[in-house]
C-alpha atoms as a PDB file:
ATOM      1  CA  MET A   1    -176.585 102.016   9.768  1.00  0.00           C
ATOM      2  CA  ASP A   2    -174.042 102.393   6.940  1.00  0.00           C
ATOM      3  CA  GLU A   3    -170.489 101.123   6.504  1.00  0.00           C
ATOM      4  CA  TYR A   4    -168.917 104.335   7.859  1.00  0.00           C
ATOM      5  CA  LYS A   5    -170.856 104.093  11.140  1.00  0.00           C
ATOM      6  CA  ARG A   6    -170.029 100.395  11.488  1.00  0.00           C
ATOM      7  CA  ASP A   7    -166.299 101.178  11.192  1.00  0.00           C
ATOM      8  CA  ARG A   8    -166.568 103.836  13.931  1.00  0.00           C
ATOM      9  CA  MET A   9    -168.633 101.503  16.088  1.00  0.00           C
ATOM     10  CA  GLU A  10    -165.969  98.766  15.887  1.00  0.00           C
ATOM     11  CA  ILE A  11    -163.223 101.202  16.923  1.00  0.00           C
ATOM     12  CA  LEU A  12    -165.258 102.557  19.851  1.00  0.00           C
ATOM     13  CA  LEU A  13    -166.149  99.055  21.084  1.00  0.00           C
ATOM     14  CA  ARG A  14    -162.508  97.984  20.981  1.00  0.00           C
ATOM     15  CA  SER A  15    -161.603 101.107  22.933  1.00  0.00           C
ATOM     16  CA  GLY A  16    -163.922  99.985  25.723  1.00  0.00           C
ATOM     17  CA  HIS A  17    -166.612 102.646  25.365  1.00  0.00           C
ATOM     18  CA  ARG A  18    -170.096 101.916  26.636  1.00  0.00           C
ATOM     19  CA  GLN A  19    -172.925 101.300  24.172  1.00  0.00           C
ATOM     20  CA  LYS A  20    -174.778 104.357  25.496  1.00  0.00           C
ATOM     21  CA  ASP A  21    -171.804 106.590  24.692  1.00  0.00           C
ATOM     22  CA  ILE A  22    -171.343 105.022  21.241  1.00  0.00           C
ATOM     23  CA  ALA A  23    -175.013 105.708  20.455  1.00  0.00           C
ATOM     24  CA  ALA A  24    -174.537 109.370  21.419  1.00  0.00           C
ATOM     25  CA  VAL A  25    -171.499 109.698  19.133  1.00  0.00           C
ATOM     26  CA  LEU A  26    -173.186 107.991  16.145  1.00  0.00           C
ATOM     27  CA  LYS A  27    -176.453 109.913  16.703  1.00  0.00           C
ATOM     28  CA  VAL A  28    -178.569 106.732  16.937  1.00  0.00           C
ATOM     29  CA  ASP A  29    -180.658 105.075  19.634  1.00  0.00           C
ATOM     30  CA  LYS A  30    -178.791 102.882  22.125  1.00  0.00           C
ATOM     31  CA  GLY A  31    -181.059  99.978  21.145  1.00  0.00           C
ATOM     32  CA  THR A  32    -179.695 100.234  17.592  1.00  0.00           C
ATOM     33  CA  ILE A  33    -176.162  99.665  18.890  1.00  0.00           C
ATOM     34  CA  SER A  34    -177.306  96.686  20.946  1.00  0.00           C
ATOM     35  CA  ARG A  35    -179.141  95.028  18.036  1.00  0.00           C
ATOM     36  CA  GLU A  36    -176.281  95.703  15.619  1.00  0.00           C
ATOM     37  CA  LYS A  37    -173.747  94.171  17.979  1.00  0.00           C
ATOM     38  CA  ASN A  38    -175.818  91.038  18.703  1.00  0.00           C
ATOM     39  CA  ARG A  39    -177.038  90.333  15.156  1.00  0.00           C
ATOM     40  CA  ARG A  40    -173.904  91.115  13.158  1.00  0.00           C
ATOM     41  CA  LYS A  41    -171.165  89.719  15.426  1.00  0.00           C
ATOM     42  CA  ARG A  42    -168.837  86.912  14.350  1.00  0.00           C
ATOM     43  CA  GLU A  43    -169.022  83.338  15.704  1.00  0.00           C
ATOM     44  CA  ASN A  44    -166.420  84.130  18.404  1.00  0.00           C
ATOM     45  CA  GLY A  45    -168.638  86.961  19.701  1.00  0.00           C
ATOM     46  CA  VAL A  46    -166.383  89.795  18.417  1.00  0.00           C
ATOM     47  CA  TYR A  47    -167.980  92.631  16.449  1.00  0.00           C
ATOM     48  CA  ASP A  48    -166.198  93.169  13.112  1.00  0.00           C
ATOM     49  CA  ALA A  49    -167.342  96.009  10.819  1.00  0.00           C
ATOM     50  CA  GLU A  50    -166.486  94.169   7.585  1.00  0.00           C
ATOM     51  CA  THR A  51    -168.391  91.047   8.625  1.00  0.00           C
ATOM     52  CA  ALA A  52    -171.331  93.126   9.841  1.00  0.00           C
ATOM     53  CA  GLN A  53    -171.515  94.998   6.527  1.00  0.00           C
ATOM     54  CA  HIS A  54    -171.467  91.717   4.590  1.00  0.00           C
ATOM     55  CA  LYS A  55    -174.258  90.228   6.708  1.00  0.00           C
ATOM     56  CA  ALA A  56    -176.385  93.350   6.295  1.00  0.00           C
ATOM     57  CA  ARG A  57    -175.881  93.332   2.510  1.00  0.00           C
ATOM     58  CA  VAL A  58    -176.837  89.652   2.208  1.00  0.00           C
ATOM     59  CA  LYS A  59    -179.951  90.091   4.330  1.00  0.00           C
ATOM     60  CA  ARG A  60    -181.046  93.101   2.307  1.00  0.00           C
ATOM     61  CA  LEU A  61    -180.410  91.247  -0.946  1.00  0.00           C
ATOM     62  CA  HIS A  62    -182.678  88.365   0.026  1.00  0.00           C
ATOM     63  CA  SER A  63    -185.288  90.282   1.991  1.00  0.00           C
ATOM     64  CA  LYS A  64    -187.385  91.153  -1.066  1.00  0.00           C
ATOM     65  CA  TYR A  65    -187.038  90.502  -4.751  1.00  0.00           C
ATOM     66  CA  GLN A  66    -189.056  91.337  -7.834  1.00  0.00           C
ATOM     67  CA  GLY A  67    -191.964  88.975  -8.326  1.00  0.00           C
ATOM     68  CA  MET A  68    -191.622  87.505  -4.822  1.00  0.00           C
ATOM     69  CA  LYS A  69    -195.379  87.352  -4.144  1.00  0.00           C
ATOM     70  CA  VAL A  70    -195.971  85.027  -7.103  1.00  0.00           C
ATOM     71  CA  GLU A  71    -192.685  83.112  -7.157  1.00  0.00           C
ATOM     72  CA  SER A  72    -192.902  82.162  -3.472  1.00  0.00           C
ATOM     73  CA  ASN A  73    -196.382  80.632  -3.933  1.00  0.00           C
ATOM     74  CA  PRO A  74    -196.208  77.572  -6.285  1.00  0.00           C
ATOM     75  CA  ASP A  75    -199.993  77.050  -6.471  1.00  0.00           C
ATOM     76  CA  LEU A  76    -200.624  80.697  -7.296  1.00  0.00           C
ATOM     77  CA  LYS A  77    -197.816  80.655  -9.850  1.00  0.00           C
ATOM     78  CA  LYS A  78    -199.283  77.576 -11.565  1.00  0.00           C
ATOM     79  CA  THR A  79    -202.737  79.164 -11.729  1.00  0.00           C
ATOM     80  CA  ILE A  80    -201.393  82.402 -13.206  1.00  0.00           C
ATOM     81  CA  ILE A  81    -199.391  80.537 -15.855  1.00  0.00           C
ATOM     82  CA  GLU A  82    -202.459  78.493 -16.858  1.00  0.00           C
ATOM     83  CA  GLU A  83    -204.540  81.652 -17.204  1.00  0.00           C
ATOM     84  CA  LEU A  84    -201.821  83.467 -19.155  1.00  0.00           C
ATOM     85  CA  GLU A  85    -201.672  80.575 -21.612  1.00  0.00           C
ATOM     86  CA  LYS A  86    -205.387  81.198 -22.222  1.00  0.00           C
ATOM     87  CA  PHE A  87    -204.374  84.775 -23.197  1.00  0.00           C
ATOM     88  CA  ARG A  88    -205.964  86.356 -20.155  1.00  0.00           C
ATOM     89  CA  SER A  89    -204.545  89.656 -18.972  1.00  0.00           C
ATOM     90  CA  PRO A  90    -203.107  90.154 -15.442  1.00  0.00           C
ATOM     91  CA  ASP A  91    -206.085  92.379 -14.641  1.00  0.00           C
ATOM     92  CA  GLU A  92    -208.506  89.578 -15.586  1.00  0.00           C
ATOM     93  CA  ILE A  93    -206.533  87.016 -13.570  1.00  0.00           C
ATOM     94  CA  ALA A  94    -206.347  89.194 -10.442  1.00  0.00           C
ATOM     95  CA  GLY A  95    -210.050  90.061 -10.575  1.00  0.00           C
ATOM     96  CA  ARG A  96    -211.144  86.477 -11.137  1.00  0.00           C
ATOM     97  CA  LEU A  97    -208.968  85.113  -8.328  1.00  0.00           C
ATOM     98  CA  LYS A  98    -210.452  87.627  -5.923  1.00  0.00           C
ATOM     99  CA  LYS A  99    -213.997  86.767  -7.010  1.00  0.00           C
ATOM    100  CA  GLU A 100    -213.613  82.970  -6.924  1.00  0.00           C
ATOM    101  CA  THR A 101    -211.121  82.349  -4.102  1.00  0.00           C
ATOM    102  CA  GLY A 102    -210.994  85.609  -2.165  1.00  0.00           C
ATOM    103  CA  LEU A 103    -207.245  85.794  -2.789  1.00  0.00           C
ATOM    104  CA  ILE A 104    -206.133  89.393  -3.109  1.00  0.00           C
ATOM    105  CA  ILE A 105    -203.252  89.873  -5.516  1.00  0.00           C
ATOM    106  CA  GLY A 106    -203.010  93.016  -7.593  1.00  0.00           C
ATOM    107  CA  LYS A 107    -202.366  93.093 -11.318  1.00  0.00           C
ATOM    108  CA  ASP A 108    -199.205  95.103 -10.573  1.00  0.00           C
ATOM    109  CA  ALA A 109    -197.799  92.173  -8.575  1.00  0.00           C
ATOM    110  CA  ILE A 110    -198.401  89.869 -11.547  1.00  0.00           C
ATOM    111  CA  TYR A 111    -196.743  92.332 -13.909  1.00  0.00           C
ATOM    112  CA  LYS A 112    -193.741  92.602 -11.571  1.00  0.00           C
ATOM    113  CA  TRP A 113    -193.362  88.841 -11.680  1.00  0.00           C
ATOM    114  CA  LEU A 114    -193.725  88.787 -15.474  1.00  0.00           C
ATOM    115  CA  TYR A 115    -191.085  91.473 -15.908  1.00  0.00           C
ATOM    116  CA  SER A 116    -188.678  89.650 -13.563  1.00  0.00           C
ATOM    117  CA  ALA A 117    -186.258  86.862 -14.519  1.00  0.00           C
ATOM    118  CA  PHE A 118    -188.775  84.311 -13.193  1.00  0.00           C
ATOM    119  CA  GLY A 119    -191.701  85.212 -15.445  1.00  0.00           C
ATOM    120  CA  GLN A 120    -190.244  86.721 -18.604  1.00  0.00           C
ATOM    121  CA  ARG A 121    -190.784  83.525 -20.607  1.00  0.00           C
ATOM    122  CA  TYR A 122    -194.540  84.008 -20.144  1.00  0.00           C
ATOM    123  CA  CYS A 123    -194.610  87.591 -21.476  1.00  0.00           C
ATOM    124  CA  GLN A 124    -195.290  86.101 -24.910  1.00  0.00           C
ATOM    125  CA  TYR A 125    -198.892  85.547 -23.791  1.00  0.00           C
ATOM    126  CA  LEU A 126    -199.466  89.240 -23.051  1.00  0.00           C
ATOM    127  CA  CYS A 127    -201.358  91.323 -25.566  1.00  0.00           C
ATOM    128  CA  SER A 128    -198.412  93.728 -25.848  1.00  0.00           C
ATOM    129  CA  ARG A 129    -195.755  90.950 -25.651  1.00  0.00           C
ATOM    130  CA  ARG A 130    -193.651  93.501 -23.798  1.00  0.00           C
ATOM    131  CA  HIS A 131    -190.880  92.132 -21.540  1.00  0.00           C
ATOM    132  CA  ARG A 132    -190.426  95.251 -19.481  1.00  0.00           C
ATOM    133  CA  ARG A 133    -192.489  98.137 -18.264  1.00  0.00           C
ATOM    134  CA  LYS A 134    -192.955 100.853 -20.835  1.00  0.00           C
ATOM    135  CA  LYS A 135    -191.116 103.986 -19.832  1.00  0.00           C
ATOM    136  CA  GLN A 136    -193.507 106.879 -19.468  1.00  0.00           C
ATOM    137  CA  ALA A 137    -192.583 109.973 -21.426  1.00  0.00           C
ATOM    138  CA  LYS A 138    -192.221 113.121 -19.383  1.00  0.00           C
ATOM    139  CA  LYS A 139    -195.145 115.441 -19.834  1.00  0.00           C
ATOM    140  CA  PRO A 140    -194.143 118.735 -21.418  1.00  0.00           C
ATOM    141  CA  LYS A 141    -194.529 121.855 -19.363  1.00  0.00           C
ATOM    142  CA  ARG A 142    -197.851 123.487 -20.141  1.00  0.00           C
ATOM    143  CA  GLU A 143    -198.443 127.195 -20.409  1.00  0.00           C
ATOM    144  CA  MET A 144    -201.949 128.298 -19.621  1.00  0.00           C
ATOM    145  CA  ILE A 145    -203.796 130.013 -22.450  1.00  0.00           C
ATOM    146  CA  LYS A 146    -204.670 133.631 -21.758  1.00  0.00           C
ATOM    147  CA  HIS A 147    -208.311 134.485 -21.122  1.00  0.00           C
ATOM    148  CA  ARG A 148    -209.248 130.809 -20.994  1.00  0.00           C
ATOM    149  CA  ILE A 149    -212.582 129.978 -19.352  1.00  0.00           C
ATOM    150  CA  PRO A 150    -212.696 126.613 -17.508  1.00  0.00           C
ATOM    151  CA  LEU A 151    -215.259 124.046 -18.551  1.00  0.00           C
ATOM    152  CA  PHE A 152    -217.244 124.088 -15.307  1.00  0.00           C
ATOM    153  CA  LEU A 153    -218.355 127.649 -16.116  1.00  0.00           C
ATOM    154  CA  ARG A 154    -219.977 126.555 -19.373  1.00  0.00           C
ATOM    155  CA  PRO A 155    -223.741 127.305 -19.243  1.00  0.00           C
ATOM    156  CA  LYS A 156    -226.018 124.355 -18.596  1.00  0.00           C
ATOM    157  CA  GLY A 157    -229.389 123.584 -20.104  1.00  0.00           C
ATOM    158  CA  GLU A 158    -231.022 121.592 -22.895  1.00  0.00           C
ATOM    159  CA  ASN A 159    -231.445 124.665 -25.079  1.00  0.00           C
ATOM    160  CA  TYR A 160    -227.688 125.230 -25.452  1.00  0.00           C
ATOM    161  CA  ARG A 161    -225.908 123.736 -28.436  1.00  0.00           C
ATOM    162  CA  HIS A 162    -222.503 122.674 -27.156  1.00  0.00           C
ATOM    163  CA  ALA A 163    -219.801 121.518 -29.545  1.00  0.00           C
ATOM    164  CA  GLU A 164    -216.308 120.079 -29.058  1.00  0.00           C
ATOM    165  CA  GLY A 165    -213.295 120.879 -31.188  1.00  0.00           C
ATOM    166  CA  ASP A 166    -209.939 119.197 -31.671  1.00  0.00           C
ATOM    167  CA  CYS A 167    -207.056 118.971 -34.113  1.00  0.00           C
ATOM    168  CA  PHE A 168    -206.468 115.841 -36.175  1.00  0.00           C
ATOM    169  CA  VAL A 169    -202.695 115.857 -36.674  1.00  0.00           C
ATOM    170  CA  SER A 170    -200.007 114.100 -38.700  1.00  0.00           C
ATOM    171  CA  PRO A 171    -197.460 111.839 -36.931  1.00  0.00           C
ATOM    172  CA  LYS A 172    -194.317 113.475 -35.587  1.00  0.00           C
ATOM    173  CA  ARG A 173    -192.047 111.413 -37.793  1.00  0.00           C
ATOM    174  CA  ALA A 174    -193.724 112.892 -40.904  1.00  0.00           C
ATOM    175  CA  LYS A 175    -192.077 116.204 -39.907  1.00  0.00           C
ATOM    176  CA  THR A 176    -195.077 118.209 -41.042  1.00  0.00           C
ATOM    177  CA  SER A 177    -197.761 120.196 -39.260  1.00  0.00           C
ATOM    178  CA  ALA A 178    -200.455 119.430 -41.847  1.00  0.00           C
ATOM    179  CA  SER A 179    -203.656 118.747 -39.900  1.00  0.00           C
ATOM    180  CA  ALA A 180    -207.408 119.162 -39.775  1.00  0.00           C
ATOM    181  CA  PHE A 181    -209.735 120.866 -37.323  1.00  0.00           C
ATOM    182  CA  LEU A 182    -212.839 118.870 -36.401  1.00  0.00           C
ATOM    183  CA  VAL A 183    -215.962 120.062 -34.583  1.00  0.00           C
ATOM    184  CA  CYS A 184    -218.587 117.698 -33.151  1.00  0.00           C
ATOM    185  CA  GLU A 185    -221.925 118.803 -31.668  1.00  0.00           C
ATOM    186  CA  LYS A 186    -222.665 116.829 -28.493  1.00  0.00           C
ATOM    187  CA  THR A 187    -226.344 115.843 -28.704  1.00  0.00           C
ATOM    188  CA  THR A 188    -226.491 115.090 -32.439  1.00  0.00           C
ATOM    189  CA  GLN A 189    -222.946 113.701 -33.035  1.00  0.00           C
ATOM    190  CA  PHE A 190    -222.857 116.023 -36.048  1.00  0.00           C
ATOM    191  CA  LEU A 191    -219.285 116.257 -37.310  1.00  0.00           C
ATOM    192  CA  SER A 192    -217.714 118.948 -39.447  1.00  0.00           C
ATOM    193  CA  GLY A 193    -214.155 119.887 -40.228  1.00  0.00           C
ATOM    194  CA  LYS A 194    -211.625 121.389 -42.575  1.00  0.00           C
ATOM    195  CA  ARG A 195    -208.054 120.621 -43.458  1.00  0.00           C
ATOM    196  CA  MET A 196    -205.269 123.034 -42.386  1.00  0.00           C
ATOM    197  CA  PRO A 197    -201.758 123.510 -43.791  1.00  0.00           C
ATOM    198  CA  ASN A 198    -200.266 123.943 -40.308  1.00  0.00           C
ATOM    199  CA  LEU A 199    -201.053 124.342 -36.602  1.00  0.00           C
ATOM    200  CA  LYS A 200    -200.335 128.039 -36.270  1.00  0.00           C
ATOM    201  CA  PRO A 201    -202.812 129.579 -33.806  1.00  0.00           C
ATOM    202  CA  ALA A 202    -204.040 132.139 -36.361  1.00  0.00           C
ATOM    203  CA  VAL A 203    -204.705 129.381 -38.925  1.00  0.00           C
ATOM    204  CA  VAL A 204    -206.525 127.224 -36.351  1.00  0.00           C
ATOM    205  CA  ALA A 205    -208.662 130.177 -35.260  1.00  0.00           C
ATOM    206  CA  SER A 206    -209.520 131.088 -38.868  1.00  0.00           C
ATOM    207  CA  THR A 207    -210.455 127.469 -39.707  1.00  0.00           C
ATOM    208  CA  ALA A 208    -212.587 127.139 -36.582  1.00  0.00           C
ATOM    209  CA  ARG A 209    -214.340 130.406 -37.423  1.00  0.00           C
ATOM    210  CA  THR A 210    -215.195 129.129 -40.912  1.00  0.00           C
ATOM    211  CA  ILE A 211    -216.712 125.959 -39.454  1.00  0.00           C
ATOM    212  CA  VAL A 212    -218.741 127.505 -36.618  1.00  0.00           C
ATOM    213  CA  THR A 213    -220.050 130.248 -38.941  1.00  0.00           C
ATOM    214  CA  SER A 214    -221.779 127.583 -41.055  1.00  0.00           C
ATOM    215  CA  LEU A 215    -223.381 126.020 -37.956  1.00  0.00           C
ATOM    216  CA  ASN A 216    -225.786 127.237 -35.291  1.00  0.00           C
ATOM    217  CA  LEU A 217    -223.739 126.640 -32.120  1.00  0.00           C
ATOM    218  CA  ASP A 218    -223.544 128.354 -28.731  1.00  0.00           C
ATOM    219  CA  THR A 219    -220.234 127.108 -27.278  1.00  0.00           C
ATOM    220  CA  LEU A 220    -217.072 125.265 -28.286  1.00  0.00           C
ATOM    221  CA  THR A 221    -215.036 123.088 -25.923  1.00  0.00           C
ATOM    222  CA  LEU A 222    -211.275 122.913 -26.567  1.00  0.00           C
ATOM    223  CA  ASP A 223    -208.190 121.399 -24.978  1.00  0.00           C
ATOM    224  CA  ASN A 224    -205.211 123.362 -23.688  1.00  0.00           C
ATOM    225  CA  GLY A 225    -202.978 123.005 -26.747  1.00  0.00           C
ATOM    226  CA  GLN A 226    -201.122 126.170 -27.679  1.00  0.00           C
ATOM    227  CA  GLU A 227    -202.686 126.026 -31.146  1.00  0.00           C
ATOM    228  CA  ASN A 228    -205.912 127.230 -29.463  1.00  0.00           C
ATOM    229  CA  ARG A 229    -204.460 130.334 -27.862  1.00  0.00           C
ATOM    230  CA  GLU A 230    -206.178 132.617 -30.411  1.00  0.00           C
ATOM    231  CA  HIS A 231    -209.598 131.343 -29.343  1.00  0.00           C
ATOM    232  CA  LEU A 232    -210.979 134.882 -29.106  1.00  0.00           C
ATOM    233  CA  MET A 233    -210.786 135.059 -32.913  1.00  0.00           C
ATOM    234  CA  MET A 234    -212.960 131.948 -33.428  1.00  0.00           C
ATOM    235  CA  GLY A 235    -216.232 133.857 -33.255  1.00  0.00           C
ATOM    236  CA  ILE A 236    -217.776 131.630 -30.565  1.00  0.00           C
ATOM    237  CA  ALA A 237    -217.641 131.304 -26.773  1.00  0.00           C
ATOM    238  CA  ALA A 238    -214.793 128.869 -26.085  1.00  0.00           C
ATOM    239  CA  TYR A 239    -214.441 126.811 -22.903  1.00  0.00           C
ATOM    240  CA  PHE A 240    -211.383 124.750 -21.968  1.00  0.00           C
ATOM    241  CA  CYS A 241    -210.958 121.280 -20.486  1.00  0.00           C
ATOM    242  CA  ASP A 242    -208.785 120.698 -17.439  1.00  0.00           C
ATOM    243  CA  PRO A 243    -205.093 120.041 -18.265  1.00  0.00           C
ATOM    244  CA  TYR A 244    -204.444 116.482 -19.499  1.00  0.00           C
ATOM    245  CA  SER A 245    -208.182 115.680 -19.529  1.00  0.00           C
ATOM    246  CA  PRO A 246    -209.206 114.824 -23.118  1.00  0.00           C
ATOM    247  CA  TRP A 247    -212.034 112.682 -21.692  1.00  0.00           C
ATOM    248  CA  GLN A 248    -213.915 115.928 -21.021  1.00  0.00           C
ATOM    249  CA  LYS A 249    -214.611 116.211 -24.764  1.00  0.00           C
ATOM    250  CA  PRO A 250    -215.440 112.573 -25.551  1.00  0.00           C
ATOM    251  CA  HIS A 251    -217.620 113.060 -28.646  1.00  0.00           C
ATOM    252  CA  VAL A 252    -214.980 114.625 -30.878  1.00  0.00           C
ATOM    253  CA  GLU A 253    -212.338 112.210 -29.539  1.00  0.00           C
ATOM    254  CA  CYS A 254    -214.612 109.268 -30.386  1.00  0.00           C
ATOM    255  CA  ASN A 255    -215.192 110.538 -33.923  1.00  0.00           C
ATOM    256  CA  ILE A 256    -211.466 111.058 -34.417  1.00  0.00           C
ATOM    257  CA  GLY A 257    -211.040 107.438 -33.347  1.00  0.00           C
ATOM    258  CA  LEU A 258    -213.616 106.331 -35.945  1.00  0.00           C
ATOM    259  CA  MET A 259    -211.912 108.427 -38.580  1.00  0.00           C
ATOM    260  CA  ARG A 260    -208.582 106.770 -37.827  1.00  0.00           C
ATOM    261  CA  ARG A 261    -210.051 103.270 -37.674  1.00  0.00           C
ATOM    262  CA  TRP A 262    -211.924 103.440 -40.966  1.00  0.00           C
ATOM    263  CA  PHE A 263    -210.258 105.977 -43.215  1.00  0.00           C
ATOM    264  CA  ILE A 264    -207.051 107.618 -41.985  1.00  0.00           C
ATOM    265  CA  PRO A 265    -205.019 105.184 -39.852  1.00  0.00           C
ATOM    266  CA  LYS A 266    -202.306 106.346 -37.496  1.00  0.00           C
ATOM    267  CA  LYS A 267    -198.934 107.243 -39.050  1.00  0.00           C
ATOM    268  CA  THR A 268    -200.750 108.699 -42.091  1.00  0.00           C
ATOM    269  CA  ASP A 269    -199.238 111.940 -43.373  1.00  0.00           C
ATOM    270  CA  LEU A 270    -202.179 114.334 -43.796  1.00  0.00           C
ATOM    271  CA  ARG A 271    -200.422 116.029 -46.707  1.00  0.00           C
ATOM    272  CA  LYS A 272    -201.619 113.010 -48.699  1.00  0.00           C
ATOM    273  CA  ILE A 273    -205.279 113.671 -47.762  1.00  0.00           C
ATOM    274  CA  ASP A 274    -206.880 116.634 -49.522  1.00  0.00           C
ATOM    275  CA  ASP A 275    -209.923 118.502 -48.258  1.00  0.00           C
ATOM    276  CA  ILE A 276    -212.292 116.775 -50.683  1.00  0.00           C
ATOM    277  CA  GLN A 277    -211.337 113.346 -49.311  1.00  0.00           C
ATOM    278  CA  LEU A 278    -211.700 114.610 -45.744  1.00  0.00           C
ATOM    279  CA  GLN A 279    -215.195 115.937 -46.465  1.00  0.00           C
ATOM    280  CA  GLU A 280    -216.181 112.597 -48.006  1.00  0.00           C
ATOM    281  CA  TYR A 281    -215.063 110.759 -44.867  1.00  0.00           C
ATOM    282  CA  ILE A 282    -216.976 113.217 -42.649  1.00  0.00           C
ATOM    283  CA  HIS A 283    -220.044 112.813 -44.866  1.00  0.00           C
ATOM    284  CA  ILE A 284    -219.950 109.019 -44.436  1.00  0.00           C
ATOM    285  CA  LEU A 285    -219.726 109.344 -40.631  1.00  0.00           C
ATOM    286  CA  ASN A 286    -222.589 111.848 -40.546  1.00  0.00           C
ATOM    287  CA  SER A 287    -224.696 109.484 -42.694  1.00  0.00           C
ATOM    288  CA  LYS A 288    -224.367 106.606 -40.206  1.00  0.00           C
ATOM    289  CA  TYR A 289    -227.553 105.510 -38.458  1.00  0.00           C
ATOM    290  CA  ARG A 290    -226.702 105.708 -34.772  1.00  0.00           C
ATOM    291  CA  LYS A 291    -228.448 103.871 -31.955  1.00  0.00           C
ATOM    292  CA  SER A 292    -227.888 106.851 -29.645  1.00  0.00           C
ATOM    293  CA  LEU A 293    -229.919 108.993 -32.057  1.00  0.00           C
ATOM    294  CA  GLY A 294    -232.792 106.517 -32.370  1.00  0.00           C
ATOM    295  CA  TYR A 295    -231.284 105.076 -35.548  1.00  0.00           C
ATOM    296  CA  ARG A 296    -231.269 108.433 -37.261  1.00  0.00           C
ATOM    297  CA  ASN A 297    -228.175 109.894 -38.827  1.00  0.00           C
ATOM    298  CA  ALA A 298    -226.392 113.034 -37.673  1.00  0.00           C
ATOM    299  CA  TYR A 299    -227.810 115.073 -40.576  1.00  0.00           C
ATOM    300  CA  GLU A 300    -231.389 114.368 -39.520  1.00  0.00           C
ATOM    301  CA  ALA A 301    -230.693 115.068 -35.853  1.00  0.00           C
ATOM    302  CA  ALA A 302    -228.766 118.261 -36.614  1.00  0.00           C
ATOM    303  CA  PHE A 303    -231.517 119.558 -38.912  1.00  0.00           C
ATOM    304  CA  GLU A 304    -234.195 118.901 -36.272  1.00  0.00           C
ATOM    305  CA  ARG A 305    -232.155 120.623 -33.570  1.00  0.00           C
ATOM    306  CA  GLY A 306    -231.377 123.589 -35.796  1.00  0.00           C
ATOM    307  CA  ILE A 307    -227.628 123.004 -36.038  1.00  0.00           C
ATOM    308  CA  ILE A 308    -227.817 123.272 -39.833  1.00  0.00           C
ATOM    309  CA  LYS A 309    -230.450 125.121 -41.851  1.00  0.00           C
ATOM    310  CA  SER A 310    -230.325 122.818 -44.854  1.00  0.00           C
ATOM    311  CA  LEU A 311    -228.058 120.023 -46.010  1.00  0.00           C
ATOM    312  CA  PRO A 312    -227.172 121.447 -49.459  1.00  0.00           C
ATOM    313  CA  SER A 313    -226.153 124.819 -48.024  1.00  0.00           C
ATOM    314  CA  PHE A 314    -223.968 123.186 -45.401  1.00  0.00           C
ATOM    315  CA  LEU A 315    -222.274 120.882 -47.915  1.00  0.00           C
ATOM    316  CA  SER A 316    -221.654 123.864 -50.162  1.00  0.00           C
ATOM    317  CA  ALA A 317    -220.121 125.843 -47.300  1.00  0.00           C
ATOM    318  CA  MET A 318    -217.827 122.926 -46.472  1.00  0.00           C
ATOM    319  CA  GLY A 319    -216.763 122.571 -50.122  1.00  0.00           C
ATOM    320  CA  VAL A 320    -218.366 119.166 -50.718  1.00  0.00           C
ATOM    321  CA  ALA A 321    -218.796 118.651 -54.462  1.00  0.00           C
ATOM    322  CA  PHE A 322    -221.196 115.681 -54.367  1.00  0.00           C
ATOM    323  CA  GLU A 323    -224.858 115.165 -53.609  1.00  0.00           C
ATOM    324  CA  GLY A 324    -225.496 114.092 -50.036  1.00  0.00           C
ATOM    325  CA  ARG A 325    -228.331 111.775 -49.029  1.00  0.00           C
ATOM    326  CA  ILE A 326    -230.070 111.532 -45.679  1.00  0.00           C
END
């Protein structure tokens, strides 16, 4: 019941109307009128709308507050603080409490307490050291690419050579669209790529065509970025992940992560990286002995699977001007 209805209720009660009739006028149940009158009345037994509104506001104010589940339990609060000081995350604390004591408290409840006035002093022990919840950016409206084929229709079988493609881009603040297009074959982790001056769909399609022409591949998995809308010009059967599902092409995403960790960190303007440097970085990654490949490198695995015909011819096609070793 709001302030407007409480004002009308006071007037109707003073006029001597029955509670049943007041409920009909205010479009509420008659029990609501009875409870409102008994709980919000003054000490002399008279119902006053202003007093009733004040009592309702105070009760609502103290009914729940941010971080209440932790703050109202001193023992739990002490335990959480001790664990935070050991630099444990709220997820670790919640999981361990459930395992050891059977106490069920979600990590979100701990975060709510940390972001409240009661727990902000302990945010310094978080990995992010953030004092408030990070505001999520609104996802841009996506337009579906024409003639796209969903990933679940991709042919299955060990004889198919499936690859994943993605763009390695410059940061937005660099105000440039200089980028690179990388292709990774799934079973061999073989990586190839070329630098691009921009992300225009025709340029992306032409670059992808150059790469896949030098390799023996059957399919290419892409995301739903508009730079891939000219996929019919890539010269290979292209299949698309579900919207906002980069995990459906994990191999190329993983290699992009390695590239950023070792050679080209985030916030690097790709105008400063020429194609020769990029090919050197790719060559180093392909030369790694990987446990998943039986401690072979990607060159050996790709040659055995028929992805590349010979190493020198591939390096020449990619513009690598140095001798590669397997």
